N, C-alpha and C. Protein backbone atom coordinates (compact mmCIF):
# COMPACT_ATOMS: atom_id res chain seq x y z
N MET A 1 -46.33 -65.87 31.52
CA MET A 1 -47.41 -66.25 29.65
C MET A 1 -46.65 -66.24 28.55
N ASN A 2 -47.21 -67.21 27.78
CA ASN A 2 -46.35 -67.46 26.60
C ASN A 2 -46.59 -66.14 25.72
N ALA A 3 -46.25 -66.35 24.49
CA ALA A 3 -46.29 -64.72 23.68
C ALA A 3 -47.19 -64.44 23.14
N GLU A 4 -48.02 -65.69 23.01
CA GLU A 4 -48.80 -64.82 21.90
C GLU A 4 -50.95 -64.30 23.71
N GLU A 5 -49.96 -64.28 25.18
CA GLU A 5 -50.23 -63.27 26.24
C GLU A 5 -49.75 -62.50 26.98
N GLN A 6 -47.58 -62.32 26.37
CA GLN A 6 -47.70 -60.86 26.38
C GLN A 6 -48.11 -60.33 25.35
N ALA A 7 -48.13 -60.07 23.67
CA ALA A 7 -48.91 -59.01 22.85
C ALA A 7 -49.94 -59.40 23.51
N ARG A 8 -50.94 -59.39 23.70
CA ARG A 8 -51.92 -58.86 24.18
C ARG A 8 -51.90 -57.85 25.71
N GLN A 9 -51.03 -58.66 26.80
CA GLN A 9 -50.88 -57.36 27.41
C GLN A 9 -50.29 -56.11 27.10
N ASP A 10 -49.27 -56.30 25.90
CA ASP A 10 -48.61 -54.97 25.48
C ASP A 10 -49.81 -54.12 24.97
N ARG A 11 -50.70 -54.79 24.67
CA ARG A 11 -51.77 -53.81 23.86
C ARG A 11 -52.85 -52.62 25.10
N PHE A 12 -52.68 -52.80 26.36
CA PHE A 12 -53.49 -52.00 27.06
C PHE A 12 -52.25 -50.08 27.16
N VAL A 13 -53.47 -49.92 27.00
CA VAL A 13 -52.42 -48.36 27.23
C VAL A 13 -51.87 -48.18 28.34
N PHE A 14 -52.53 -49.17 29.46
CA PHE A 14 -52.66 -48.19 31.22
C PHE A 14 -51.89 -48.84 31.81
N GLU A 15 -50.92 -48.79 32.63
CA GLU A 15 -49.98 -50.16 33.44
C GLU A 15 -51.05 -50.48 34.38
N ARG A 16 -51.78 -50.21 34.60
CA ARG A 16 -53.09 -50.23 35.29
C ARG A 16 -53.93 -51.91 34.79
N ASN A 17 -53.83 -51.97 33.87
CA ASN A 17 -54.77 -52.74 32.80
C ASN A 17 -53.50 -53.59 32.10
N ARG A 18 -52.12 -53.91 32.02
CA ARG A 18 -52.01 -53.54 31.91
C ARG A 18 -51.55 -55.01 32.86
N ARG A 19 -51.51 -54.78 34.30
CA ARG A 19 -50.72 -55.27 34.86
C ARG A 19 -52.20 -56.67 35.99
N GLN A 20 -52.99 -56.45 35.65
CA GLN A 20 -55.24 -56.63 35.21
C GLN A 20 -54.58 -57.92 34.69
N PHE A 21 -53.83 -57.81 33.90
CA PHE A 21 -54.18 -58.60 32.80
C PHE A 21 -53.48 -59.59 33.01
N ALA A 22 -51.74 -59.01 33.42
CA ALA A 22 -50.79 -60.35 33.81
C ALA A 22 -51.67 -61.15 34.90
N VAL A 23 -51.44 -60.48 35.73
CA VAL A 23 -51.70 -61.59 37.29
C VAL A 23 -53.22 -61.80 36.48
N ALA A 24 -54.09 -61.85 36.10
CA ALA A 24 -55.14 -62.85 36.14
C ALA A 24 -54.76 -64.13 34.92
N ARG A 25 -54.49 -63.73 34.45
CA ARG A 25 -53.17 -64.81 33.14
C ARG A 25 -52.32 -65.73 33.82
N VAL A 26 -51.66 -64.99 34.72
CA VAL A 26 -50.85 -66.20 36.47
C VAL A 26 -51.69 -66.98 36.96
N LEU A 27 -53.20 -66.43 37.62
CA LEU A 27 -53.49 -66.83 38.18
C LEU A 27 -54.54 -68.41 37.75
N VAL A 28 -54.88 -68.51 36.23
CA VAL A 28 -55.54 -68.93 35.93
C VAL A 28 -54.35 -70.31 35.14
N ARG A 29 -53.35 -69.94 34.63
CA ARG A 29 -51.91 -70.68 34.54
C ARG A 29 -51.91 -72.14 36.02
N GLN A 30 -51.85 -71.16 37.58
CA GLN A 30 -51.77 -71.53 38.39
C GLN A 30 -52.00 -72.55 38.66
N ILE A 31 -53.07 -72.02 38.63
CA ILE A 31 -54.27 -72.93 39.85
C ILE A 31 -55.14 -74.08 38.47
N LEU A 32 -55.31 -74.03 37.53
CA LEU A 32 -55.59 -75.18 36.13
C LEU A 32 -54.14 -75.92 35.66
N ALA A 33 -53.07 -75.47 36.54
CA ALA A 33 -52.00 -77.01 36.62
C ALA A 33 -52.04 -77.88 38.06
N GLY A 34 -52.49 -76.46 38.53
CA GLY A 34 -52.65 -77.72 40.01
C GLY A 34 -54.07 -79.38 40.25
N TYR A 35 -55.23 -78.29 38.37
CA TYR A 35 -56.51 -79.14 37.97
C TYR A 35 -55.18 -80.69 37.68
N THR A 36 -54.87 -80.23 36.29
CA THR A 36 -54.51 -81.34 35.89
C THR A 36 -53.28 -81.83 35.37
N GLY A 37 -51.94 -81.35 36.56
CA GLY A 37 -50.82 -81.97 36.79
C GLY A 37 -49.50 -81.98 35.59
N ILE A 38 -50.33 -80.60 34.56
CA ILE A 38 -49.40 -79.55 33.80
C ILE A 38 -48.70 -78.48 34.63
N ALA A 39 -47.12 -78.28 33.95
CA ALA A 39 -46.78 -77.10 34.52
C ALA A 39 -47.06 -75.66 34.01
N ALA A 40 -47.26 -74.75 35.11
CA ALA A 40 -48.64 -74.08 34.19
C ALA A 40 -47.61 -73.36 32.58
N SER A 41 -46.57 -73.13 32.89
CA SER A 41 -45.92 -72.76 31.79
C SER A 41 -46.03 -73.35 30.12
N GLU A 42 -46.36 -74.36 30.49
CA GLU A 42 -47.17 -75.24 29.70
C GLU A 42 -48.21 -76.03 29.28
N LEU A 43 -48.61 -75.41 29.78
CA LEU A 43 -50.45 -75.09 28.94
C LEU A 43 -50.72 -74.50 27.91
N CYS A 44 -51.26 -75.27 27.66
CA CYS A 44 -52.21 -74.77 26.08
C CYS A 44 -53.79 -74.83 26.13
N PHE A 45 -53.85 -73.33 25.01
CA PHE A 45 -55.49 -73.14 25.16
C PHE A 45 -55.68 -73.18 23.52
N SER A 46 -56.63 -72.58 23.49
CA SER A 46 -57.04 -72.45 21.46
C SER A 46 -58.39 -71.50 22.51
N ALA A 47 -59.43 -71.08 21.40
CA ALA A 47 -60.73 -70.76 21.64
C ALA A 47 -61.25 -71.18 20.52
N ASN A 48 -62.92 -71.12 20.53
CA ASN A 48 -64.18 -71.53 19.70
C ASN A 48 -63.96 -70.62 19.14
N GLN A 49 -65.43 -70.52 18.37
CA GLN A 49 -65.77 -69.72 16.94
C GLN A 49 -65.94 -68.25 18.11
N TYR A 50 -66.36 -67.97 18.70
CA TYR A 50 -66.70 -66.74 19.17
C TYR A 50 -65.29 -65.58 20.28
N GLY A 51 -64.49 -66.78 20.38
CA GLY A 51 -63.45 -66.82 21.48
C GLY A 51 -63.49 -66.59 22.69
N ARG A 52 -63.96 -68.10 23.28
CA ARG A 52 -64.26 -67.89 24.49
C ARG A 52 -63.04 -69.31 24.66
N PRO A 53 -61.99 -69.53 25.58
CA PRO A 53 -60.98 -70.26 25.25
C PRO A 53 -61.07 -71.39 26.37
N ALA A 54 -60.35 -72.12 26.10
CA ALA A 54 -60.95 -73.53 26.34
C ALA A 54 -59.11 -74.11 26.69
N LEU A 55 -58.71 -75.19 27.26
CA LEU A 55 -57.70 -75.98 27.96
C LEU A 55 -57.67 -76.80 26.69
N VAL A 56 -56.31 -77.05 26.26
CA VAL A 56 -56.34 -78.44 24.91
C VAL A 56 -55.75 -79.98 25.95
N ILE A 57 -56.50 -80.20 26.33
CA ILE A 57 -55.71 -81.25 26.27
C ILE A 57 -56.63 -82.59 26.76
N ALA A 58 -55.85 -83.79 26.17
CA ALA A 58 -56.48 -85.09 26.07
C ALA A 58 -57.45 -85.57 27.33
N GLY A 59 -58.14 -86.26 27.08
CA GLY A 59 -58.45 -87.90 28.18
C GLY A 59 -59.04 -86.71 29.54
N GLU A 60 -59.24 -85.83 29.40
CA GLU A 60 -60.01 -84.77 30.77
C GLU A 60 -60.23 -84.33 30.05
N ARG A 61 -61.47 -83.95 31.06
CA ARG A 61 -62.76 -82.16 30.72
C ARG A 61 -62.42 -81.38 32.37
N VAL A 62 -62.03 -80.51 31.82
CA VAL A 62 -61.57 -79.30 33.01
C VAL A 62 -61.49 -78.21 32.39
N GLU A 63 -63.50 -77.16 32.68
CA GLU A 63 -63.76 -76.71 32.13
C GLU A 63 -63.56 -75.25 32.73
N PHE A 64 -63.39 -74.26 32.71
CA PHE A 64 -62.43 -72.82 33.05
C PHE A 64 -63.55 -71.40 32.70
N ASN A 65 -63.86 -69.96 33.44
CA ASN A 65 -63.79 -69.38 32.69
C ASN A 65 -63.49 -67.95 33.52
N LEU A 66 -63.09 -67.09 32.94
CA LEU A 66 -61.90 -65.76 33.81
C LEU A 66 -62.93 -65.26 33.85
N SER A 67 -62.71 -64.32 34.71
CA SER A 67 -62.97 -62.26 34.90
C SER A 67 -62.44 -61.59 35.80
N HIS A 68 -62.30 -60.47 35.65
CA HIS A 68 -61.73 -58.95 36.32
C HIS A 68 -61.59 -57.99 36.17
N THR A 69 -61.61 -57.52 37.17
CA THR A 69 -62.37 -55.92 36.92
C THR A 69 -60.59 -55.02 38.16
N ASP A 70 -61.34 -53.98 38.60
CA ASP A 70 -59.97 -53.09 38.66
C ASP A 70 -60.22 -54.20 40.22
N GLY A 71 -59.33 -54.68 41.20
CA GLY A 71 -58.82 -54.47 42.02
C GLY A 71 -59.93 -55.97 42.36
N LEU A 72 -60.32 -57.34 41.69
CA LEU A 72 -60.22 -58.14 41.06
C LEU A 72 -59.95 -59.18 40.63
N ALA A 73 -59.70 -60.38 40.07
CA ALA A 73 -60.02 -61.30 39.45
C ALA A 73 -60.85 -62.67 39.75
N ALA A 74 -61.56 -63.14 39.24
CA ALA A 74 -62.32 -64.10 40.00
C ALA A 74 -62.35 -65.27 38.63
N LEU A 75 -62.15 -66.94 38.70
CA LEU A 75 -61.70 -68.01 37.99
C LEU A 75 -62.70 -68.71 38.41
N ALA A 76 -63.54 -69.51 37.47
CA ALA A 76 -64.28 -70.61 38.37
C ALA A 76 -63.65 -72.02 37.27
N VAL A 77 -63.82 -72.78 37.49
CA VAL A 77 -63.37 -74.22 37.54
C VAL A 77 -64.14 -75.04 37.59
N THR A 78 -64.52 -76.13 36.68
CA THR A 78 -65.90 -77.92 37.21
C THR A 78 -64.64 -78.50 36.48
N ARG A 79 -65.11 -79.83 36.63
CA ARG A 79 -65.50 -80.66 35.59
C ARG A 79 -66.05 -81.86 35.11
N THR A 80 -67.03 -81.08 35.53
CA THR A 80 -69.19 -81.78 35.34
C THR A 80 -69.59 -81.07 34.62
N GLY A 81 -69.51 -80.08 34.55
CA GLY A 81 -70.25 -78.74 33.77
C GLY A 81 -69.80 -78.21 32.81
N GLU A 82 -70.90 -77.49 32.18
CA GLU A 82 -70.79 -75.30 31.69
C GLU A 82 -70.45 -74.82 33.23
N VAL A 83 -69.21 -73.32 32.97
CA VAL A 83 -69.52 -72.56 34.14
C VAL A 83 -69.00 -71.03 33.73
N GLY A 84 -69.43 -70.13 33.83
CA GLY A 84 -69.39 -69.00 34.11
C GLY A 84 -69.03 -67.91 35.27
N VAL A 85 -68.11 -67.30 34.83
CA VAL A 85 -68.02 -66.10 36.16
C VAL A 85 -68.32 -64.93 35.75
N ASP A 86 -68.64 -64.01 36.59
CA ASP A 86 -68.98 -62.27 36.09
C ASP A 86 -67.57 -61.57 37.36
N VAL A 87 -68.05 -60.36 37.40
CA VAL A 87 -67.16 -59.67 38.61
C VAL A 87 -67.01 -58.32 38.09
N GLU A 88 -67.81 -57.46 38.60
CA GLU A 88 -67.48 -55.76 37.93
C GLU A 88 -67.76 -55.48 39.39
N ASP A 89 -66.48 -53.84 39.08
CA ASP A 89 -66.14 -52.96 40.44
C ASP A 89 -67.91 -52.35 40.18
N ALA A 90 -68.54 -51.99 41.66
CA ALA A 90 -69.90 -51.72 41.26
C ALA A 90 -69.59 -50.15 42.01
N GLU A 91 -68.62 -49.68 41.85
CA GLU A 91 -68.51 -48.29 41.92
C GLU A 91 -68.66 -47.28 41.06
N ARG A 92 -67.93 -48.72 40.02
CA ARG A 92 -68.36 -47.29 38.70
C ARG A 92 -69.01 -47.25 37.66
N ARG A 93 -68.40 -45.63 37.10
CA ARG A 93 -69.92 -44.49 36.63
C ARG A 93 -70.46 -45.99 35.78
N SER A 94 -71.54 -45.78 36.18
CA SER A 94 -72.44 -46.64 35.20
C SER A 94 -74.51 -45.25 35.21
N ARG A 95 -74.83 -45.70 33.72
CA ARG A 95 -76.25 -45.07 34.39
C ARG A 95 -76.61 -46.17 34.65
N PRO A 96 -77.80 -47.12 34.84
CA PRO A 96 -78.09 -48.93 35.59
C PRO A 96 -79.82 -48.49 35.32
N GLU A 97 -80.33 -47.57 35.10
CA GLU A 97 -82.25 -47.54 34.34
C GLU A 97 -82.02 -47.49 32.71
N GLU A 98 -80.85 -46.81 32.51
CA GLU A 98 -80.12 -47.16 30.72
C GLU A 98 -80.10 -47.47 29.99
N VAL A 99 -79.37 -47.81 30.96
CA VAL A 99 -78.32 -50.26 30.53
C VAL A 99 -78.91 -50.04 30.71
N ALA A 100 -80.59 -51.17 31.78
CA ALA A 100 -81.24 -51.65 31.57
C ALA A 100 -82.09 -51.67 30.62
N ASP A 101 -83.22 -50.86 30.19
CA ASP A 101 -83.53 -50.40 29.53
C ASP A 101 -83.28 -50.59 27.94
N HIS A 102 -81.78 -50.65 27.83
CA HIS A 102 -81.09 -50.42 26.50
C HIS A 102 -81.01 -52.42 26.66
N PHE A 103 -80.65 -53.19 27.51
CA PHE A 103 -80.38 -54.41 26.86
C PHE A 103 -81.00 -55.82 28.09
N PHE A 104 -81.72 -55.19 28.98
CA PHE A 104 -82.32 -55.98 30.22
C PHE A 104 -84.18 -56.98 29.31
N ALA A 105 -84.16 -57.99 30.17
CA ALA A 105 -85.62 -57.85 29.46
C ALA A 105 -86.60 -57.67 30.24
N PRO A 106 -87.92 -57.47 30.05
CA PRO A 106 -88.80 -56.54 29.92
C PRO A 106 -88.95 -56.48 31.80
N SER A 107 -89.20 -57.04 32.05
CA SER A 107 -89.79 -58.42 32.64
C SER A 107 -88.44 -58.15 34.16
N GLU A 108 -86.63 -58.13 33.66
CA GLU A 108 -85.65 -57.51 34.25
C GLU A 108 -86.13 -55.66 34.61
N VAL A 109 -85.78 -55.03 33.69
CA VAL A 109 -86.06 -53.77 33.50
C VAL A 109 -87.36 -53.64 35.34
N ALA A 110 -88.00 -53.84 34.53
CA ALA A 110 -89.46 -53.82 35.53
C ALA A 110 -89.45 -54.09 36.99
N SER A 111 -88.35 -54.79 37.39
CA SER A 111 -88.54 -55.29 38.51
C SER A 111 -87.31 -54.76 39.11
N LEU A 112 -86.37 -53.85 38.15
CA LEU A 112 -84.95 -52.73 38.84
C LEU A 112 -86.15 -51.09 39.85
N MET A 113 -86.92 -51.31 38.11
CA MET A 113 -87.96 -49.81 38.46
C MET A 113 -88.37 -49.46 39.34
N ALA A 114 -89.80 -51.08 39.68
CA ALA A 114 -89.97 -50.87 41.16
C ALA A 114 -90.01 -50.80 41.85
N LEU A 115 -88.21 -50.05 42.40
CA LEU A 115 -87.64 -50.74 43.52
C LEU A 115 -87.52 -48.49 44.28
N PRO A 116 -87.04 -48.43 45.03
CA PRO A 116 -86.79 -47.18 45.78
C PRO A 116 -85.14 -47.00 44.12
N GLU A 117 -85.33 -45.69 44.10
CA GLU A 117 -83.74 -45.41 43.48
C GLU A 117 -83.21 -45.42 43.76
N GLU A 118 -82.27 -45.65 45.81
CA GLU A 118 -81.17 -45.87 46.54
C GLU A 118 -81.12 -47.52 45.92
N GLN A 119 -82.12 -47.89 45.46
CA GLN A 119 -82.17 -49.52 45.32
C GLN A 119 -81.22 -49.89 44.16
N ARG A 120 -81.11 -49.36 43.54
CA ARG A 120 -81.59 -49.77 42.05
C ARG A 120 -80.62 -50.22 40.99
N ARG A 121 -79.09 -49.04 42.48
CA ARG A 121 -78.15 -49.64 41.88
C ARG A 121 -77.45 -50.63 41.85
N ALA A 122 -77.20 -51.10 43.03
CA ALA A 122 -76.90 -52.12 43.76
C ALA A 122 -78.06 -53.19 42.60
N ARG A 123 -78.87 -53.75 42.75
CA ARG A 123 -80.13 -54.38 41.40
C ARG A 123 -79.43 -55.00 40.35
N PHE A 124 -79.42 -53.57 39.42
CA PHE A 124 -78.68 -53.12 38.59
C PHE A 124 -77.57 -54.36 38.86
N PHE A 125 -76.35 -54.05 39.01
CA PHE A 125 -75.47 -55.39 39.54
C PHE A 125 -75.79 -56.27 39.33
N ASP A 126 -76.20 -56.73 39.93
CA ASP A 126 -76.58 -58.40 40.51
C ASP A 126 -76.97 -58.18 39.31
N LEU A 127 -78.32 -58.16 38.36
CA LEU A 127 -78.87 -57.99 37.75
C LEU A 127 -77.52 -58.36 35.88
N TRP A 128 -77.10 -57.55 35.98
CA TRP A 128 -75.60 -57.20 34.54
C TRP A 128 -74.61 -58.30 35.91
N THR A 129 -74.01 -59.09 36.54
CA THR A 129 -73.43 -59.76 36.55
C THR A 129 -73.72 -61.35 36.62
N LEU A 130 -74.75 -61.26 36.86
CA LEU A 130 -75.89 -63.37 36.76
C LEU A 130 -75.23 -63.12 35.16
N LYS A 131 -76.05 -62.48 34.06
CA LYS A 131 -76.38 -61.90 33.02
C LYS A 131 -75.33 -62.23 32.10
N GLU A 132 -73.73 -61.64 32.55
CA GLU A 132 -72.72 -61.51 32.35
C GLU A 132 -72.50 -63.07 31.88
N ALA A 133 -72.91 -63.34 33.52
CA ALA A 133 -71.95 -65.05 33.63
C ALA A 133 -73.32 -66.23 32.83
N TYR A 134 -74.31 -65.42 33.15
CA TYR A 134 -75.07 -66.59 31.75
C TYR A 134 -73.56 -66.80 30.54
N ILE A 135 -73.97 -65.57 29.78
CA ILE A 135 -73.92 -65.96 28.13
C ILE A 135 -72.21 -66.52 28.14
N LYS A 136 -71.34 -66.07 29.56
CA LYS A 136 -69.91 -66.55 29.48
C LYS A 136 -69.84 -68.31 29.88
N ALA A 137 -71.22 -68.82 30.45
CA ALA A 137 -71.41 -69.77 30.02
C ALA A 137 -71.54 -70.96 29.70
N ARG A 138 -72.15 -70.57 28.64
CA ARG A 138 -72.88 -70.79 27.46
C ARG A 138 -71.04 -71.28 26.22
N GLY A 139 -71.08 -70.21 26.89
CA GLY A 139 -69.38 -70.10 25.52
C GLY A 139 -69.77 -69.03 24.57
N MET A 140 -70.73 -68.50 24.28
CA MET A 140 -71.58 -67.85 23.37
C MET A 140 -71.45 -66.29 23.24
N GLY A 141 -70.89 -66.11 24.73
CA GLY A 141 -70.25 -64.36 25.26
C GLY A 141 -72.06 -63.39 24.65
N LEU A 142 -71.56 -62.82 23.82
CA LEU A 142 -73.05 -61.31 23.42
C LEU A 142 -73.74 -61.90 22.15
N ALA A 143 -72.92 -63.06 21.24
CA ALA A 143 -73.94 -63.35 20.79
C ALA A 143 -74.97 -64.05 21.09
N ILE A 144 -75.37 -64.26 22.60
CA ILE A 144 -76.83 -64.43 23.11
C ILE A 144 -77.24 -63.01 23.32
N PRO A 145 -78.69 -62.88 22.86
CA PRO A 145 -79.46 -61.56 23.45
C PRO A 145 -79.39 -61.11 25.01
N LEU A 146 -79.01 -60.02 25.36
CA LEU A 146 -79.13 -60.39 26.19
C LEU A 146 -80.48 -59.30 27.39
N ASP A 147 -82.06 -60.09 26.11
CA ASP A 147 -83.05 -59.97 26.43
C ASP A 147 -83.76 -61.02 26.38
N ALA A 148 -83.18 -62.18 25.65
CA ALA A 148 -83.56 -63.17 25.92
C ALA A 148 -83.88 -64.35 27.15
N PHE A 149 -82.83 -63.73 27.78
CA PHE A 149 -83.44 -65.00 29.23
C PHE A 149 -83.82 -63.40 30.46
N ALA A 150 -83.93 -63.64 31.57
CA ALA A 150 -84.93 -62.76 32.56
C ALA A 150 -84.37 -63.42 33.83
N TYR A 151 -83.94 -63.09 34.89
CA TYR A 151 -83.46 -63.96 36.43
C TYR A 151 -84.88 -62.50 36.95
N ASP A 152 -85.22 -63.92 37.91
CA ASP A 152 -86.30 -63.52 39.21
C ASP A 152 -85.76 -63.49 40.42
N LEU A 153 -85.37 -62.32 40.38
CA LEU A 153 -84.29 -62.14 42.32
C LEU A 153 -85.10 -62.06 43.72
N SER A 154 -86.91 -62.43 43.16
CA SER A 154 -87.18 -61.66 44.02
C SER A 154 -87.56 -61.71 45.46
N ARG A 155 -87.18 -63.40 45.47
CA ARG A 155 -87.07 -63.56 46.95
C ARG A 155 -85.30 -64.16 47.42
N GLY A 156 -84.45 -63.08 46.76
CA GLY A 156 -83.25 -62.93 47.27
C GLY A 156 -82.65 -64.00 47.10
N ARG A 157 -81.28 -64.06 46.77
CA ARG A 157 -80.18 -64.07 46.43
C ARG A 157 -79.88 -66.06 47.13
N ALA A 158 -80.76 -66.30 47.65
CA ALA A 158 -80.70 -67.81 47.33
C ALA A 158 -81.56 -68.80 47.16
N ALA A 159 -81.87 -67.96 46.40
CA ALA A 159 -83.21 -68.28 45.55
C ALA A 159 -83.59 -67.90 43.98
N ILE A 160 -81.93 -67.57 43.34
CA ILE A 160 -82.31 -67.04 42.28
C ILE A 160 -83.23 -67.99 41.00
N ASP A 161 -84.12 -67.65 40.06
CA ASP A 161 -84.56 -68.00 38.83
C ASP A 161 -84.14 -67.78 37.92
N LEU A 162 -84.40 -68.52 36.60
CA LEU A 162 -83.63 -67.50 35.54
C LEU A 162 -85.20 -68.66 34.70
N ALA A 163 -85.26 -67.62 34.19
CA ALA A 163 -86.58 -68.02 32.42
C ALA A 163 -86.36 -68.20 31.41
N ILE A 164 -85.83 -68.48 30.44
CA ILE A 164 -85.20 -68.34 29.31
C ILE A 164 -85.90 -69.26 28.21
N ASP A 165 -86.27 -67.97 27.19
CA ASP A 165 -87.11 -67.90 25.11
C ASP A 165 -86.60 -69.30 24.99
N ALA A 166 -87.12 -69.66 24.47
CA ALA A 166 -87.16 -71.25 24.08
C ALA A 166 -85.89 -71.55 22.70
N SER A 167 -86.55 -69.51 22.62
CA SER A 167 -85.09 -69.52 20.90
C SER A 167 -83.96 -70.00 21.26
N LEU A 168 -83.16 -70.39 22.41
CA LEU A 168 -82.63 -69.76 22.77
C LEU A 168 -81.95 -71.93 22.75
N GLY A 169 -83.01 -72.46 21.91
CA GLY A 169 -82.65 -73.76 22.71
C GLY A 169 -81.45 -74.80 24.24
N ASP A 170 -81.77 -73.92 25.04
CA ASP A 170 -81.10 -74.17 26.27
C ASP A 170 -81.89 -74.74 27.34
N PRO A 171 -82.93 -76.28 28.25
CA PRO A 171 -83.69 -76.10 28.22
C PRO A 171 -82.92 -75.90 30.39
N ARG A 172 -83.74 -75.65 31.13
CA ARG A 172 -83.83 -74.65 32.21
C ARG A 172 -82.21 -75.71 33.13
N ALA A 173 -83.32 -77.03 33.46
CA ALA A 173 -82.35 -77.96 34.12
C ALA A 173 -81.34 -78.33 33.62
N GLY A 174 -80.63 -78.42 35.62
CA GLY A 174 -79.30 -77.52 36.10
C GLY A 174 -78.67 -76.33 36.83
N TRP A 175 -79.24 -75.83 35.57
CA TRP A 175 -78.65 -75.08 36.48
C TRP A 175 -78.31 -73.85 37.55
N GLN A 176 -77.31 -73.67 38.39
CA GLN A 176 -77.42 -72.96 39.48
C GLN A 176 -77.39 -71.54 39.75
N PHE A 177 -76.87 -70.55 40.07
CA PHE A 177 -76.29 -69.08 40.39
C PHE A 177 -75.96 -68.61 42.22
N ARG A 178 -74.52 -68.28 41.59
CA ARG A 178 -74.17 -67.79 43.23
C ARG A 178 -74.70 -66.42 42.92
N LEU A 179 -74.54 -65.20 44.15
CA LEU A 179 -74.20 -64.12 43.86
C LEU A 179 -73.35 -63.92 45.02
N GLU A 180 -72.00 -62.92 45.14
CA GLU A 180 -71.70 -63.10 46.19
C GLU A 180 -70.93 -61.39 46.70
N ASP A 181 -70.49 -60.83 47.24
CA ASP A 181 -70.13 -59.51 46.98
C ASP A 181 -68.34 -59.48 48.19
N PRO A 182 -67.65 -60.13 47.90
CA PRO A 182 -66.34 -60.17 47.99
C PRO A 182 -65.16 -59.43 48.00
N THR A 183 -65.48 -57.80 48.21
CA THR A 183 -65.21 -56.45 48.87
C THR A 183 -66.65 -56.17 48.90
N PRO A 184 -66.73 -54.69 49.85
CA PRO A 184 -67.26 -54.05 49.53
C PRO A 184 -67.82 -53.49 48.77
N ARG A 185 -67.12 -53.44 47.19
CA ARG A 185 -66.87 -52.59 45.75
C ARG A 185 -67.54 -52.49 45.36
N HIS A 186 -67.63 -54.82 45.23
CA HIS A 186 -66.79 -55.49 44.05
C HIS A 186 -68.54 -56.63 43.92
N ARG A 187 -68.84 -56.14 43.24
CA ARG A 187 -70.51 -57.66 42.84
C ARG A 187 -69.27 -58.98 41.98
N LEU A 188 -69.33 -60.75 42.53
CA LEU A 188 -69.67 -61.45 41.81
C LEU A 188 -70.55 -62.55 41.36
N ALA A 189 -70.74 -62.84 40.26
CA ALA A 189 -72.28 -64.16 40.09
C ALA A 189 -71.43 -64.93 39.19
N LEU A 190 -72.00 -66.18 39.63
CA LEU A 190 -71.44 -67.57 39.18
C LEU A 190 -72.35 -67.84 38.82
N ALA A 191 -72.75 -68.40 36.90
CA ALA A 191 -73.73 -69.25 36.24
C ALA A 191 -72.89 -70.85 36.54
N VAL A 192 -73.35 -71.95 36.37
CA VAL A 192 -72.92 -73.10 36.57
C VAL A 192 -73.69 -74.08 36.44
N ARG A 193 -73.52 -75.30 35.18
CA ARG A 193 -75.22 -76.01 35.33
C ARG A 193 -74.32 -77.58 35.36
N LEU A 194 -74.71 -77.66 36.51
CA LEU A 194 -74.23 -79.25 37.21
C LEU A 194 -74.90 -80.06 37.27
N PRO A 195 -74.32 -82.07 38.01
CA PRO A 195 -75.91 -83.04 37.63
C PRO A 195 -76.26 -82.50 38.59
N GLU A 196 -77.13 -83.45 38.89
CA GLU A 196 -77.56 -83.26 40.30
C GLU A 196 -77.29 -83.82 41.21
N GLY A 197 -77.65 -82.82 42.58
CA GLY A 197 -76.79 -83.31 44.12
C GLY A 197 -75.16 -82.68 43.61
N HIS A 198 -74.89 -81.89 42.55
CA HIS A 198 -73.88 -80.95 43.08
C HIS A 198 -73.87 -79.20 43.07
N ALA A 199 -73.25 -78.75 44.09
CA ALA A 199 -73.48 -77.41 44.02
C ALA A 199 -72.38 -77.06 44.40
N PRO A 200 -71.58 -75.50 43.78
CA PRO A 200 -71.35 -74.79 43.26
C PRO A 200 -69.99 -74.32 45.16
N LYS A 201 -69.55 -75.01 45.07
CA LYS A 201 -68.30 -73.63 46.17
C LYS A 201 -67.78 -73.02 45.33
N VAL A 202 -67.64 -71.46 46.98
CA VAL A 202 -66.87 -70.11 46.34
C VAL A 202 -65.76 -69.57 46.98
N SER A 203 -64.69 -69.87 47.25
CA SER A 203 -63.58 -69.41 48.38
C SER A 203 -63.18 -68.34 47.43
N TYR A 204 -62.13 -67.43 48.57
CA TYR A 204 -62.21 -66.19 47.85
C TYR A 204 -60.10 -66.39 48.72
N ARG A 205 -59.04 -65.79 48.21
CA ARG A 205 -57.79 -65.71 48.55
C ARG A 205 -57.21 -64.41 48.10
N TRP A 206 -56.79 -63.54 49.18
CA TRP A 206 -56.22 -62.38 48.13
C TRP A 206 -54.87 -62.34 48.95
N VAL A 207 -54.25 -61.74 47.29
CA VAL A 207 -52.81 -60.74 47.05
C VAL A 207 -53.12 -58.96 46.67
N GLY A 208 -51.35 -59.46 48.02
CA GLY A 208 -52.07 -58.75 47.89
C GLY A 208 -51.32 -57.08 49.43
N PRO A 209 -50.93 -56.38 49.44
CA PRO A 209 -50.09 -55.74 50.43
C PRO A 209 -51.17 -56.51 51.59
N ALA A 210 -52.58 -55.58 51.67
CA ALA A 210 -53.98 -55.12 52.55
C ALA A 210 -54.74 -56.12 52.94
N ALA A 211 -55.95 -56.86 52.66
CA ALA A 211 -56.97 -57.23 52.68
C ALA A 211 -57.98 -56.35 52.38
N PRO A 212 -58.74 -56.33 51.43
CA PRO A 212 -59.95 -55.28 51.10
C PRO A 212 -61.20 -55.34 51.71
N GLY A 213 -61.38 -55.68 53.21
CA GLY A 213 -62.69 -56.12 53.97
C GLY A 213 -63.41 -57.18 53.74
N ARG A 214 -64.05 -57.27 52.83
CA ARG A 214 -65.11 -58.92 52.67
C ARG A 214 -64.16 -60.19 52.62
N LEU A 215 -62.75 -59.70 51.30
CA LEU A 215 -62.92 -61.26 50.78
C LEU A 215 -61.97 -62.07 51.78
N GLY A 216 -62.10 -63.17 52.57
CA GLY A 216 -60.87 -63.72 52.92
C GLY A 216 -61.17 -65.72 52.60
């Protein structure tokens, strides 16, 4: 890591958070080095006005997005479009109905509350990770209101649909979405806008003393 990354790592209070940050940054550098041919330690990054990092590289487009939580880090990379990824620990403490009512679009809240109570937590994390992935793919983070776009999961994970309010100035065309369960406790969502005929691919690599179940 460079000096700026090391300084950010040092600001974490708990050792596990410092370790998670370090692993994620090393992951980014090692994988992007393979895409660019530039040594991992020599990669340079800049940030847009919303704080999203981007590679500083001449003559080539490589878009990436990073997310990490307890026990899992995810990196999405593309040469041909926009991409965002989010991972969450679905076992962490949360109040799904309360959070959804405050942040989600009305149609998402209605679909969540229509489910039996025992199914709401799983659906909440499906929607939350998808929403995070979209705003990260747009490169604007929470500058995009979370209730200005709404996912429809009524046809299942294989047919995720998205309605985008006209105020966001973003056409629906080209957007593709994936939901995954890398481990029994984690949820992963990918949002990517690719040219027609392209489809995202998801693969996993376990780094640690023992595999955590589904990851492979």
